[in-house]
Protein backbone atom coordinates (compact mmCIF):
# COMPACT_ATOMS: atom_id res chain seq x y z
CA MET A 1 84.45 108.96 85.64
CA GLN A 2 88.00 110.07 86.50
CA SER A 3 87.23 113.82 86.54
CA SER A 4 84.60 113.42 89.26
CA LYS A 5 87.26 112.15 91.68
CA SER A 6 89.25 114.56 93.80
CA LEU A 7 92.75 115.35 92.60
CA TYR A 8 94.07 113.48 95.64
CA LYS A 9 92.13 110.32 94.71
CA GLN A 10 93.35 110.61 91.11
CA ALA A 11 96.95 110.86 92.39
CA VAL A 12 96.36 107.81 94.59
CA ASP A 13 94.96 105.88 91.62
CA ILE A 14 98.07 106.64 89.57
CA SER A 15 100.35 105.87 92.50
CA SER A 16 98.70 102.51 93.11
CA GLU A 17 100.15 101.33 89.79
CA TYR A 18 103.61 101.84 91.31
CA LEU A 19 103.03 101.26 95.01
CA GLY A 20 100.02 98.97 95.23
CA PRO A 21 98.02 99.22 98.45
CA SER A 22 100.60 101.60 99.96
CA ALA A 23 99.70 104.35 97.48
CA GLU A 24 97.08 106.12 99.57
CA ARG A 25 99.29 106.25 102.63
CA PHE A 26 102.29 107.35 100.55
CA ILE A 27 100.51 110.22 98.77
CA GLY A 28 98.61 111.23 101.91
CA ARG A 29 101.86 111.57 103.82
CA GLN A 30 103.55 113.55 101.05
CA VAL A 31 100.67 116.04 100.98
CA ALA A 32 100.29 116.29 104.75
CA ASN A 33 103.99 116.45 105.62
CA HIS A 34 105.43 118.47 102.76
CA LEU A 35 102.52 120.56 101.55
CA LYS A 36 101.07 120.98 105.06
CA LYS A 37 97.48 120.46 104.02
CA ASP A 38 94.69 117.95 104.13
CA PRO A 39 95.12 115.56 101.18
CA GLU A 40 91.53 116.09 100.01
CA ARG A 41 92.36 119.80 99.59
CA LEU A 42 95.09 119.10 97.04
CA THR A 43 94.95 121.50 94.07
CA LYS A 44 96.57 121.62 90.65
CA GLN A 45 98.77 124.43 91.95
CA ASP A 46 100.17 121.99 94.54
CA MET A 47 101.12 119.40 91.96
CA PRO A 48 104.62 120.66 91.02
CA ARG A 49 105.73 120.53 94.67
CA LEU A 50 103.98 117.21 95.29
CA ILE A 51 105.56 115.69 92.20
CA GLU A 52 109.03 116.75 93.27
CA TRP A 53 108.52 115.28 96.75
CA VAL A 54 107.25 112.07 95.16
CA ARG A 55 110.35 112.03 92.93
CA VAL A 56 112.67 112.49 95.93
CA THR A 57 110.88 109.98 98.15
CA PHE A 58 110.32 107.34 95.46
CA SER A 59 114.02 107.64 94.58
CA LEU A 60 114.78 106.39 98.09
CA LEU A 61 112.76 103.25 97.31
CA THR A 62 114.21 102.42 93.89
CA ASP A 63 117.24 103.18 91.75
CA ASP A 64 115.24 102.53 88.57
CA GLN A 65 115.30 105.99 86.95
CA GLU A 66 112.99 104.89 84.16
CA LEU A 67 110.37 103.80 86.70
CA ILE A 68 110.77 107.04 88.67
CA GLU A 69 110.35 109.18 85.55
CA SER A 70 107.34 107.12 84.45
CA PHE A 71 105.68 107.69 87.84
CA VAL A 72 106.42 111.42 87.66
CA ALA A 73 105.14 111.67 84.08
CA ASP A 74 101.91 109.91 85.03
CA LEU A 75 101.37 112.34 87.93
CA GLN A 76 102.09 115.29 85.65
CA THR A 77 99.06 114.37 83.54
CA LEU A 78 96.87 115.52 86.44
CA SER A 79 97.91 119.13 86.06
CA ASN A 80 99.79 119.39 82.79
CA THR A 81 102.86 120.12 84.91
CA PRO A 82 105.93 120.84 82.77
CA SER A 83 108.54 118.10 82.80
CA GLY A 84 111.15 120.39 84.30
CA LYS A 85 111.84 119.99 87.99
CA ALA A 86 110.05 122.26 90.44
CA GLN A 87 112.04 123.80 93.24
CA VAL A 88 111.68 121.97 96.55
CA PRO A 89 113.20 124.01 99.35
CA ASN A 90 115.95 122.14 101.20
CA ALA A 91 115.00 118.78 99.68
CA GLN A 92 118.57 118.00 98.67
CA SER A 93 120.46 119.92 101.35
CA LYS A 94 120.15 117.39 104.16
């Protein structure tokens, strides 16, 4: 059952549809590096920031905006995150 999995594992499951076997490493790094926490401690409150970092990072891998938005929309189902962009400090300023 999906709800018995940690939020992190659910995010990895969704990400695997887009990134294959790299999904766990990709999401784990986003959580550890940008949210500064253990991936297994991911909460619904973390999802807006995680989703924005996924959007930024995945955009470096593909120019396919439809694919990027599909990935983001799928992740948003984990927390009912609004479709508007969350603020990511300094994400675009480098």
